[in-house]
Amino acid sequence: MQCTSLFQLPARALVRAVTAASLGALMLAGCGGSAPLFTRDGRPTTAVQCSASGPWANCMDHARAICQSDIDVIDRSSQDGVKKLLFACKDK
């Protein structure tokens, strides 16, 4: 099998390759992030998961331990036996 660089491809094949790569990237980008990566003021967000059978305080304590300070809760949800907490650390 002979390898061909993009520069050796005919123009139509090159356009098809670039279009396919662009569409693939757009499809992957749509799958990824439902949660914001940063708050409006620029602080990074973190997500933790806890058992739905326990109280929310367990998730909050876990988040505070990660931050080593208090937290701002961005979102929380409970589904399929798992509690999810999205938070940002408050400044110390």
PDB file of N, CA and C in Angstrom:
ATOM      1  N   MET A   1       0.849  -1.182   0.000  1.00  0.00           N
ATOM      2  CA  MET A   1       0.000   0.000   0.000  1.00  0.00           C
ATOM      3  C   MET A   1       0.885   1.233   0.000  1.00  0.00           C
ATOM      4  N   GLN A   2       0.570   2.150  -0.875  1.00  0.00           N
ATOM      5  CA  GLN A   2       1.367   3.358  -1.018  1.00  0.00           C
ATOM      6  C   GLN A   2       0.723   4.501  -0.244  1.00  0.00           C
ATOM      7  N   CYS A   3       1.503   5.247   0.511  1.00  0.00           N
ATOM      8  CA  CYS A   3       0.993   6.393   1.255  1.00  0.00           C
ATOM      9  C   CYS A   3       1.017   7.618   0.363  1.00  0.00           C
ATOM     10  N   THR A   4      -0.001   8.439   0.491  1.00  0.00           N
ATOM     11  CA  THR A   4      -0.097   9.665  -0.284  1.00  0.00           C
ATOM     12  C   THR A   4      -0.291  10.815   0.682  1.00  0.00           C
ATOM     13  N   SER A   5       0.480  11.872   0.528  1.00  0.00           N
ATOM     14  CA  SER A   5       0.291  13.032   1.394  1.00  0.00           C
ATOM     15  C   SER A   5      -0.882  13.849   0.884  1.00  0.00           C
ATOM     16  N   LEU A   6      -1.405  14.715   1.721  1.00  0.00           N
ATOM     17  CA  LEU A   6      -2.511  15.565   1.320  1.00  0.00           C
ATOM     18  C   LEU A   6      -2.150  16.458   0.150  1.00  0.00           C
ATOM     19  N   PHE A   7      -0.875  16.806   0.035  1.00  0.00           N
ATOM     20  CA  PHE A   7      -0.435  17.696  -1.034  1.00  0.00           C
ATOM     21  C   PHE A   7      -0.417  17.008  -2.395  1.00  0.00           C
ATOM     22  N   GLN A   8      -0.443  15.686  -2.415  1.00  0.00           N
ATOM     23  CA  GLN A   8      -0.421  14.946  -3.664  1.00  0.00           C
ATOM     24  C   GLN A   8      -1.822  14.537  -4.120  1.00  0.00           C
ATOM     25  N   LEU A   9      -2.842  14.802  -3.333  1.00  0.00           N
ATOM     26  CA  LEU A   9      -4.203  14.433  -3.688  1.00  0.00           C
ATOM     27  C   LEU A   9      -4.767  15.390  -4.727  1.00  0.00           C
ATOM     28  N   PRO A  10      -5.638  14.902  -5.617  1.00  0.00           N
ATOM     29  CA  PRO A  10      -6.340  15.808  -6.519  1.00  0.00           C
ATOM     30  C   PRO A  10      -7.202  16.774  -5.712  1.00  0.00           C
ATOM     31  N   ALA A  11      -7.543  17.902  -6.281  1.00  0.00           N
ATOM     32  CA  ALA A  11      -8.283  18.953  -5.570  1.00  0.00           C
ATOM     33  C   ALA A  11      -9.591  18.438  -4.986  1.00  0.00           C
ATOM     34  N   ARG A  12     -10.359  17.652  -5.749  1.00  0.00           N
ATOM     35  CA  ARG A  12     -11.633  17.137  -5.232  1.00  0.00           C
ATOM     36  C   ARG A  12     -11.438  16.230  -4.025  1.00  0.00           C
ATOM     37  N   ALA A  13     -10.457  15.372  -4.084  1.00  0.00           N
ATOM     38  CA  ALA A  13     -10.193  14.467  -2.964  1.00  0.00           C
ATOM     39  C   ALA A  13      -9.752  15.247  -1.736  1.00  0.00           C
ATOM     40  N   LEU A  14      -8.964  16.283  -1.958  1.00  0.00           N
ATOM     41  CA  LEU A  14      -8.516  17.119  -0.843  1.00  0.00           C
ATOM     42  C   LEU A  14      -9.713  17.824  -0.197  1.00  0.00           C
ATOM     43  N   VAL A  15     -10.626  18.355  -1.014  1.00  0.00           N
ATOM     44  CA  VAL A  15     -11.819  19.017  -0.481  1.00  0.00           C
ATOM     45  C   VAL A  15     -12.659  18.018   0.305  1.00  0.00           C
ATOM     46  N   ARG A  16     -12.815  16.812  -0.223  1.00  0.00           N
ATOM     47  CA  ARG A  16     -13.588  15.778   0.493  1.00  0.00           C
ATOM     48  C   ARG A  16     -12.939  15.434   1.830  1.00  0.00           C
ATOM     49  N   ALA A  17     -11.610  15.293   1.837  1.00  0.00           N
ATOM     50  CA  ALA A  17     -10.907  14.939   3.075  1.00  0.00           C
ATOM     51  C   ALA A  17     -11.063  16.038   4.123  1.00  0.00           C
ATOM     52  N   VAL A  18     -10.921  17.290   3.693  1.00  0.00           N
ATOM     53  CA  VAL A  18     -11.051  18.411   4.634  1.00  0.00           C
ATOM     54  C   VAL A  18     -12.485  18.516   5.132  1.00  0.00           C
ATOM     55  N   THR A  19     -13.466  18.337   4.253  1.00  0.00           N
ATOM     56  CA  THR A  19     -14.870  18.390   4.649  1.00  0.00           C
ATOM     57  C   THR A  19     -15.204  17.286   5.643  1.00  0.00           C
ATOM     58  N   ALA A  20     -14.737  16.078   5.372  1.00  0.00           N
ATOM     59  CA  ALA A  20     -15.002  14.955   6.284  1.00  0.00           C
ATOM     60  C   ALA A  20     -14.376  15.204   7.651  1.00  0.00           C
ATOM     61  N   ALA A  21     -13.150  15.711   7.658  1.00  0.00           N
ATOM     62  CA  ALA A  21     -12.483  15.987   8.934  1.00  0.00           C
ATOM     63  C   ALA A  21     -13.222  17.085   9.701  1.00  0.00           C
ATOM     64  N   SER A  22     -13.691  18.103   8.999  1.00  0.00           N
ATOM     65  CA  SER A  22     -14.420  19.196   9.651  1.00  0.00           C
ATOM     66  C   SER A  22     -15.741  18.710  10.234  1.00  0.00           C
ATOM     67  N   LEU A  23     -16.468  17.913   9.468  1.00  0.00           N
ATOM     68  CA  LEU A  23     -17.733  17.376   9.967  1.00  0.00           C
ATOM     69  C   LEU A  23     -17.517  16.480  11.178  1.00  0.00           C
ATOM     70  N   GLY A  24     -16.474  15.667  11.132  1.00  0.00           N
ATOM     71  CA  GLY A  24     -16.160  14.805  12.269  1.00  0.00           C
ATOM     72  C   GLY A  24     -15.858  15.613  13.517  1.00  0.00           C
ATOM     73  N   ALA A  25     -15.098  16.685  13.355  1.00  0.00           N
ATOM     74  CA  ALA A  25     -14.773  17.536  14.501  1.00  0.00           C
ATOM     75  C   ALA A  25     -16.023  18.198  15.064  1.00  0.00           C
ATOM     76  N   LEU A  26     -16.915  18.662  14.185  1.00  0.00           N
ATOM     77  CA  LEU A  26     -18.159  19.279  14.657  1.00  0.00           C
ATOM     78  C   LEU A  26     -19.034  18.283  15.397  1.00  0.00           C
ATOM     79  N   MET A  27     -19.089  17.049  14.908  1.00  0.00           N
ATOM     80  CA  MET A  27     -19.901  16.038  15.578  1.00  0.00           C
ATOM     81  C   MET A  27     -19.351  15.731  16.960  1.00  0.00           C
ATOM     82  N   LEU A  28     -18.036  15.633  17.088  1.00  0.00           N
ATOM     83  CA  LEU A  28     -17.436  15.362  18.394  1.00  0.00           C
ATOM     84  C   LEU A  28     -17.626  16.527  19.337  1.00  0.00           C
ATOM     85  N   ALA A  29     -17.547  17.726  18.841  1.00  0.00           N
ATOM     86  CA  ALA A  29     -17.726  18.901  19.692  1.00  0.00           C
ATOM     87  C   ALA A  29     -19.135  18.940  20.259  1.00  0.00           C
ATOM     88  N   GLY A  30     -20.119  18.474  19.510  1.00  0.00           N
ATOM     89  CA  GLY A  30     -21.490  18.467  19.989  1.00  0.00           C
ATOM     90  C   GLY A  30     -21.739  17.439  21.068  1.00  0.00           C
ATOM     91  N   CYS A  31     -20.901  16.422  21.162  1.00  0.00           N
ATOM     92  CA  CYS A  31     -21.103  15.352  22.132  1.00  0.00           C
ATOM     93  C   CYS A  31     -20.584  15.711  23.511  1.00  0.00           C
ATOM     94  N   GLY A  32     -19.601  16.561  23.574  1.00  0.00           N
ATOM     95  CA  GLY A  32     -18.815  16.707  24.775  1.00  0.00           C
ATOM     96  C   GLY A  32     -19.434  17.399  25.941  1.00  0.00           C
ATOM     97  N   GLY A  33     -19.329  18.672  26.014  1.00  0.00           N
ATOM     98  CA  GLY A  33     -19.539  19.359  27.264  1.00  0.00           C
ATOM     99  C   GLY A  33     -20.923  19.899  27.469  1.00  0.00           C
ATOM    100  N   SER A  34     -21.654  19.310  28.366  1.00  0.00           N
ATOM    101  CA  SER A  34     -22.927  19.893  28.752  1.00  0.00           C
ATOM    102  C   SER A  34     -22.710  20.871  29.903  1.00  0.00           C
ATOM    103  N   ALA A  35     -21.652  20.698  30.641  1.00  0.00           N
ATOM    104  CA  ALA A  35     -21.370  21.573  31.777  1.00  0.00           C
ATOM    105  C   ALA A  35     -20.376  22.648  31.352  1.00  0.00           C
ATOM    106  N   PRO A  36     -20.533  23.845  31.881  1.00  0.00           N
ATOM    107  CA  PRO A  36     -19.551  24.885  31.551  1.00  0.00           C
ATOM    108  C   PRO A  36     -18.199  24.539  32.163  1.00  0.00           C
ATOM    109  N   LEU A  37     -17.147  24.898  31.476  1.00  0.00           N
ATOM    110  CA  LEU A  37     -15.803  24.643  31.981  1.00  0.00           C
ATOM    111  C   LEU A  37     -15.351  25.714  32.956  1.00  0.00           C
ATOM    112  N   PHE A  38     -15.932  26.914  32.819  1.00  0.00           N
ATOM    113  CA  PHE A  38     -15.565  28.029  33.683  1.00  0.00           C
ATOM    114  C   PHE A  38     -16.815  28.812  34.059  1.00  0.00           C
ATOM    115  N   THR A  39     -16.761  29.453  35.216  1.00  0.00           N
ATOM    116  CA  THR A  39     -17.848  30.337  35.615  1.00  0.00           C
ATOM    117  C   THR A  39     -17.723  31.640  34.832  1.00  0.00           C
ATOM    118  N   ARG A  40     -18.722  32.497  34.944  1.00  0.00           N
ATOM    119  CA  ARG A  40     -18.672  33.786  34.230  1.00  0.00           C
ATOM    120  C   ARG A  40     -17.488  34.631  34.665  1.00  0.00           C
ATOM    121  N   ASP A  41     -17.063  34.473  35.920  1.00  0.00           N
ATOM    122  CA  ASP A  41     -15.923  35.261  36.394  1.00  0.00           C
ATOM    123  C   ASP A  41     -14.588  34.551  36.188  1.00  0.00           C
ATOM    124  N   GLY A  42     -14.595  33.422  35.438  1.00  0.00           N
ATOM    125  CA  GLY A  42     -13.349  32.779  35.037  1.00  0.00           C
ATOM    126  C   GLY A  42     -12.855  31.641  35.914  1.00  0.00           C
ATOM    127  N   ARG A  43     -13.562  31.326  36.995  1.00  0.00           N
ATOM    128  CA  ARG A  43     -13.117  30.217  37.845  1.00  0.00           C
ATOM    129  C   ARG A  43     -13.440  28.882  37.181  1.00  0.00           C
ATOM    130  N   PRO A  44     -12.536  27.911  37.248  1.00  0.00           N
ATOM    131  CA  PRO A  44     -12.822  26.595  36.667  1.00  0.00           C
ATOM    132  C   PRO A  44     -13.888  25.863  37.485  1.00  0.00           C
ATOM    133  N   THR A  45     -14.670  25.041  36.800  1.00  0.00           N
ATOM    134  CA  THR A  45     -15.675  24.236  37.482  1.00  0.00           C
ATOM    135  C   THR A  45     -15.182  22.797  37.594  1.00  0.00           C
ATOM    136  N   THR A  46     -15.733  22.095  38.572  1.00  0.00           N
ATOM    137  CA  THR A  46     -15.403  20.696  38.821  1.00  0.00           C
ATOM    138  C   THR A  46     -16.702  19.949  39.085  1.00  0.00           C
ATOM    139  N   ALA A  47     -16.751  18.695  38.704  1.00  0.00           N
ATOM    140  CA  ALA A  47     -17.931  17.876  38.963  1.00  0.00           C
ATOM    141  C   ALA A  47     -17.548  16.693  39.839  1.00  0.00           C
ATOM    142  N   VAL A  48     -18.408  16.372  40.799  1.00  0.00           N
ATOM    143  CA  VAL A  48     -18.232  15.167  41.604  1.00  0.00           C
ATOM    144  C   VAL A  48     -19.515  14.352  41.529  1.00  0.00           C
ATOM    145  N   GLN A  49     -19.358  13.052  41.687  1.00  0.00           N
ATOM    146  CA  GLN A  49     -20.500  12.155  41.711  1.00  0.00           C
ATOM    147  C   GLN A  49     -20.531  11.445  43.050  1.00  0.00           C
ATOM    148  N   CYS A  50     -21.737  11.313  43.588  1.00  0.00           N
ATOM    149  CA  CYS A  50     -21.928  10.644  44.866  1.00  0.00           C
ATOM    150  C   CYS A  50     -23.121   9.694  44.735  1.00  0.00           C
ATOM    151  N   SER A  51     -23.222   8.787  45.671  1.00  0.00           N
ATOM    152  CA  SER A  51     -24.342   7.855  45.683  1.00  0.00           C
ATOM    153  C   SER A  51     -25.637   8.606  45.952  1.00  0.00           C
ATOM    154  N   ALA A  52     -26.672   8.281  45.193  1.00  0.00           N
ATOM    155  CA  ALA A  52     -27.973   8.926  45.389  1.00  0.00           C
ATOM    156  C   ALA A  52     -28.617   8.516  46.705  1.00  0.00           C
ATOM    157  N   SER A  53     -28.135   7.444  47.301  1.00  0.00           N
ATOM    158  CA  SER A  53     -28.725   6.999  48.571  1.00  0.00           C
ATOM    159  C   SER A  53     -28.260   7.850  49.746  1.00  0.00           C
ATOM    160  N   GLY A  54     -27.158   8.565  49.579  1.00  0.00           N
ATOM    161  CA  GLY A  54     -26.653   9.419  50.650  1.00  0.00           C
ATOM    162  C   GLY A  54     -27.184  10.833  50.536  1.00  0.00           C
ATOM    163  N   PRO A  55     -26.979  11.642  51.570  1.00  0.00           N
ATOM    164  CA  PRO A  55     -27.452  13.027  51.532  1.00  0.00           C
ATOM    165  C   PRO A  55     -26.562  13.902  50.642  1.00  0.00           C
ATOM    166  N   TRP A  56     -27.130  15.031  50.192  1.00  0.00           N
ATOM    167  CA  TRP A  56     -26.354  15.972  49.397  1.00  0.00           C
ATOM    168  C   TRP A  56     -25.151  16.501  50.178  1.00  0.00           C
ATOM    169  N   ALA A  57     -25.239  16.503  51.480  1.00  0.00           N
ATOM    170  CA  ALA A  57     -24.133  16.986  52.307  1.00  0.00           C
ATOM    171  C   ALA A  57     -22.847  16.207  52.031  1.00  0.00           C
ATOM    172  N   ASN A  58     -22.973  14.918  51.708  1.00  0.00           N
ATOM    173  CA  ASN A  58     -21.774  14.126  51.387  1.00  0.00           C
ATOM    174  C   ASN A  58     -21.073  14.674  50.147  1.00  0.00           C
ATOM    175  N   CYS A  59     -21.844  14.993  49.120  1.00  0.00           N
ATOM    176  CA  CYS A  59     -21.265  15.575  47.901  1.00  0.00           C
ATOM    177  C   CYS A  59     -20.655  16.944  48.197  1.00  0.00           C
ATOM    178  N   MET A  60     -21.368  17.736  48.972  1.00  0.00           N
ATOM    179  CA  MET A  60     -20.875  19.077  49.315  1.00  0.00           C
ATOM    180  C   MET A  60     -19.569  18.992  50.102  1.00  0.00           C
ATOM    181  N   ASP A  61     -19.499  18.051  51.054  1.00  0.00           N
ATOM    182  CA  ASP A  61     -18.269  17.871  51.829  1.00  0.00           C
ATOM    183  C   ASP A  61     -17.117  17.440  50.937  1.00  0.00           C
ATOM    184  N   HIS A  62     -17.398  16.553  49.994  1.00  0.00           N
ATOM    185  CA  HIS A  62     -16.374  16.098  49.046  1.00  0.00           C
ATOM    186  C   HIS A  62     -15.864  17.293  48.227  1.00  0.00           C
ATOM    187  N   ALA A  63     -16.777  18.122  47.749  1.00  0.00           N
ATOM    188  CA  ALA A  63     -16.399  19.295  46.963  1.00  0.00           C
ATOM    189  C   ALA A  63     -15.566  20.275  47.790  1.00  0.00           C
ATOM    190  N   ARG A  64     -15.971  20.502  49.020  1.00  0.00           N
ATOM    191  CA  ARG A  64     -15.214  21.415  49.885  1.00  0.00           C
ATOM    192  C   ARG A  64     -13.813  20.877  50.159  1.00  0.00           C
ATOM    193  N   ALA A  65     -13.690  19.569  50.281  1.00  0.00           N
ATOM    194  CA  ALA A  65     -12.369  18.971  50.503  1.00  0.00           C
ATOM    195  C   ALA A  65     -11.478  19.164  49.273  1.00  0.00           C
ATOM    196  N   ILE A  66     -12.062  19.068  48.090  1.00  0.00           N
ATOM    197  CA  ILE A  66     -11.290  19.299  46.865  1.00  0.00           C
ATOM    198  C   ILE A  66     -10.802  20.741  46.820  1.00  0.00           C
ATOM    199  N   CYS A  67     -11.673  21.675  47.156  1.00  0.00           N
ATOM    200  CA  CYS A  67     -11.334  23.097  47.102  1.00  0.00           C
ATOM    201  C   CYS A  67     -10.478  23.551  48.283  1.00  0.00           C
ATOM    202  N   GLN A  68     -10.597  22.858  49.369  1.00  0.00           N
ATOM    203  CA  GLN A  68     -10.002  23.284  50.637  1.00  0.00           C
ATOM    204  C   GLN A  68     -10.525  24.672  51.016  1.00  0.00           C
ATOM    205  N   SER A  69     -11.772  24.925  50.609  1.00  0.00           N
ATOM    206  CA  SER A  69     -12.480  26.165  50.940  1.00  0.00           C
ATOM    207  C   SER A  69     -13.957  25.934  50.624  1.00  0.00           C
ATOM    208  N   ASP A  70     -14.743  26.993  50.737  1.00  0.00           N
ATOM    209  CA  ASP A  70     -16.167  26.867  50.438  1.00  0.00           C
ATOM    210  C   ASP A  70     -16.371  26.830  48.928  1.00  0.00           C
ATOM    211  N   ILE A  71     -17.584  26.482  48.503  1.00  0.00           N
ATOM    212  CA  ILE A  71     -17.878  26.305  47.080  1.00  0.00           C
ATOM    213  C   ILE A  71     -19.107  27.092  46.662  1.00  0.00           C
ATOM    214  N   ASP A  72     -19.202  27.359  45.374  1.00  0.00           N
ATOM    215  CA  ASP A  72     -20.420  27.855  44.750  1.00  0.00           C
ATOM    216  C   ASP A  72     -20.981  26.705  43.929  1.00  0.00           C
ATOM    217  N   VAL A  73     -22.227  26.320  44.206  1.00  0.00           N
ATOM    218  CA  VAL A  73     -22.870  25.241  43.457  1.00  0.00           C
ATOM    219  C   VAL A  73     -23.376  25.822  42.145  1.00  0.00           C
ATOM    220  N   ILE A  74     -22.952  25.225  41.037  1.00  0.00           N
ATOM    221  CA  ILE A  74     -23.381  25.652  39.716  1.00  0.00           C
ATOM    222  C   ILE A  74     -24.611  24.857  39.285  1.00  0.00           C
ATOM    223  N   ASP A  75     -24.582  23.547  39.525  1.00  0.00           N
ATOM    224  CA  ASP A  75     -25.697  22.682  39.145  1.00  0.00           C
ATOM    225  C   ASP A  75     -25.625  21.408  39.961  1.00  0.00           C
ATOM    226  N   ARG A  76     -26.776  20.804  40.177  1.00  0.00           N
ATOM    227  CA  ARG A  76     -26.809  19.489  40.807  1.00  0.00           C
ATOM    228  C   ARG A  76     -27.970  18.702  40.230  1.00  0.00           C
ATOM    229  N   SER A  77     -27.742  17.393  40.110  1.00  0.00           N
ATOM    230  CA  SER A  77     -28.773  16.522  39.549  1.00  0.00           C
ATOM    231  C   SER A  77     -28.645  15.143  40.166  1.00  0.00           C
ATOM    232  N   SER A  78     -29.719  14.385  40.058  1.00  0.00           N
ATOM    233  CA  SER A  78     -29.740  13.019  40.568  1.00  0.00           C
ATOM    234  C   SER A  78     -30.427  12.148  39.530  1.00  0.00           C
ATOM    235  N   GLN A  79     -29.703  11.112  39.081  1.00  0.00           N
ATOM    236  CA  GLN A  79     -30.260  10.235  38.059  1.00  0.00           C
ATOM    237  C   GLN A  79     -29.575   8.884  38.116  1.00  0.00           C
ATOM    238  N   ASP A  80     -30.358   7.837  37.954  1.00  0.00           N
ATOM    239  CA  ASP A  80     -29.829   6.469  37.881  1.00  0.00           C
ATOM    240  C   ASP A  80     -28.941   6.110  39.074  1.00  0.00           C
ATOM    241  N   GLY A  81     -29.336   6.507  40.262  1.00  0.00           N
ATOM    242  CA  GLY A  81     -28.601   6.150  41.462  1.00  0.00           C
ATOM    243  C   GLY A  81     -27.331   6.955  41.707  1.00  0.00           C
ATOM    244  N   VAL A  82     -27.166   8.068  40.983  1.00  0.00           N
ATOM    245  CA  VAL A  82     -25.961   8.889  41.121  1.00  0.00           C
ATOM    246  C   VAL A  82     -26.357  10.352  41.266  1.00  0.00           C
ATOM    247  N   LYS A  83     -25.782  11.007  42.248  1.00  0.00           N
ATOM    248  CA  LYS A  83     -25.935  12.454  42.397  1.00  0.00           C
ATOM    249  C   LYS A  83     -24.719  13.103  41.758  1.00  0.00           C
ATOM    250  N   LYS A  84     -24.961  14.148  40.972  1.00  0.00           N
ATOM    251  CA  LYS A  84     -23.874  14.880  40.320  1.00  0.00           C
ATOM    252  C   LYS A  84     -23.914  16.322  40.787  1.00  0.00           C
ATOM    253  N   LEU A  85     -22.764  16.812  41.224  1.00  0.00           N
ATOM    254  CA  LEU A  85     -22.646  18.172  41.724  1.00  0.00           C
ATOM    255  C   LEU A  85     -21.578  18.896  40.908  1.00  0.00           C
ATOM    256  N   LEU A  86     -21.967  19.979  40.259  1.00  0.00           N
ATOM    257  CA  LEU A  86     -21.033  20.828  39.522  1.00  0.00           C
ATOM    258  C   LEU A  86     -20.801  22.073  40.358  1.00  0.00           C
ATOM    259  N   PHE A  87     -19.549  22.399  40.617  1.00  0.00           N
ATOM    260  CA  PHE A  87     -19.250  23.498  41.530  1.00  0.00           C
ATOM    261  C   PHE A  87     -17.994  24.229  41.113  1.00  0.00           C
ATOM    262  N   ALA A  88     -17.819  25.389  41.697  1.00  0.00           N
ATOM    263  CA  ALA A  88     -16.587  26.182  41.542  1.00  0.00           C
ATOM    264  C   ALA A  88     -16.104  26.536  42.943  1.00  0.00           C
ATOM    265  N   CYS A  89     -14.820  26.510  43.127  1.00  0.00           N
ATOM    266  CA  CYS A  89     -14.245  26.869  44.419  1.00  0.00           C
ATOM    267  C   CYS A  89     -14.349  28.378  44.627  1.00  0.00           C
ATOM    268  N   LYS A  90     -14.704  28.757  45.844  1.00  0.00           N
ATOM    269  CA  LYS A  90     -14.666  30.178  46.200  1.00  0.00           C
ATOM    270  C   LYS A  90     -13.237  30.555  46.505  1.00  0.00           C
ATOM    271  N   ASP A  91     -12.924  31.832  46.298  1.00  0.00           N
ATOM    272  CA  ASP A  91     -11.577  32.299  46.629  1.00  0.00           C
ATOM    273  C   ASP A  91     -11.349  32.153  48.117  1.00  0.00           C
ATOM    274  N   LYS A  92     -10.115  31.787  48.472  1.00  0.00           N
ATOM    275  CA  LYS A  92      -9.771  31.569  49.883  1.00  0.00           C
ATOM    276  C   LYS A  92      -9.575  32.871  50.595  1.00  0.00           C
TER     277      LYS A  92
END
